């Protein structure tokens, strides 16, 4: 299941997020998963979006979800996301484009499927909803200067991974978990 969500963030929210992350960028840590990127696990601003956007994600999924964590990443020129699938805390995920100076596709391929990979792109404020454990996903090297993405992760409330609520942390906004 792949769904594009138009206007997941309205223009004001998108501008606020872009400005916030411009201010945070110098203080972010080098990303261990992606070369040419910096990242932040559980940042309070993104955690607020995780909670605020939950009803929209639930409506798109047609079921009740539990939030697990957010992850925020600034990609720079030549930044790429290696092919991977996600851990149980990312049963249901949304990638949101906050700002980018160039279109950049994310590639998705359902595991154990003979179907070809799909390349999807989104504009600032839009999101792609996907099942992170069921889809391999990746990004080829970025050809622009900068692209900021926020990832919101959830699990099904009545599913096998509901013990991953809050990514097993004491509270949202805490960085005491796995990124």
Foldseek 3Di string as FASTA:
>chain_A
DKDKFPQLDPPVRLVVVVVVCVVCVVVFDQDPQKHQKGKDWQAVVLLVSLVVSQVVQCVVVVAHKFWATKMKMKHFAQIKGDWDFDDLQAQKKKKAWSDDPDWWWKWKDFPPDPDDIDTDTDHHSMIMIDGRRGITIMTGGDHGGITMMMMTGIHGCPDPSVCSRNPVDPDGSDRPHDD
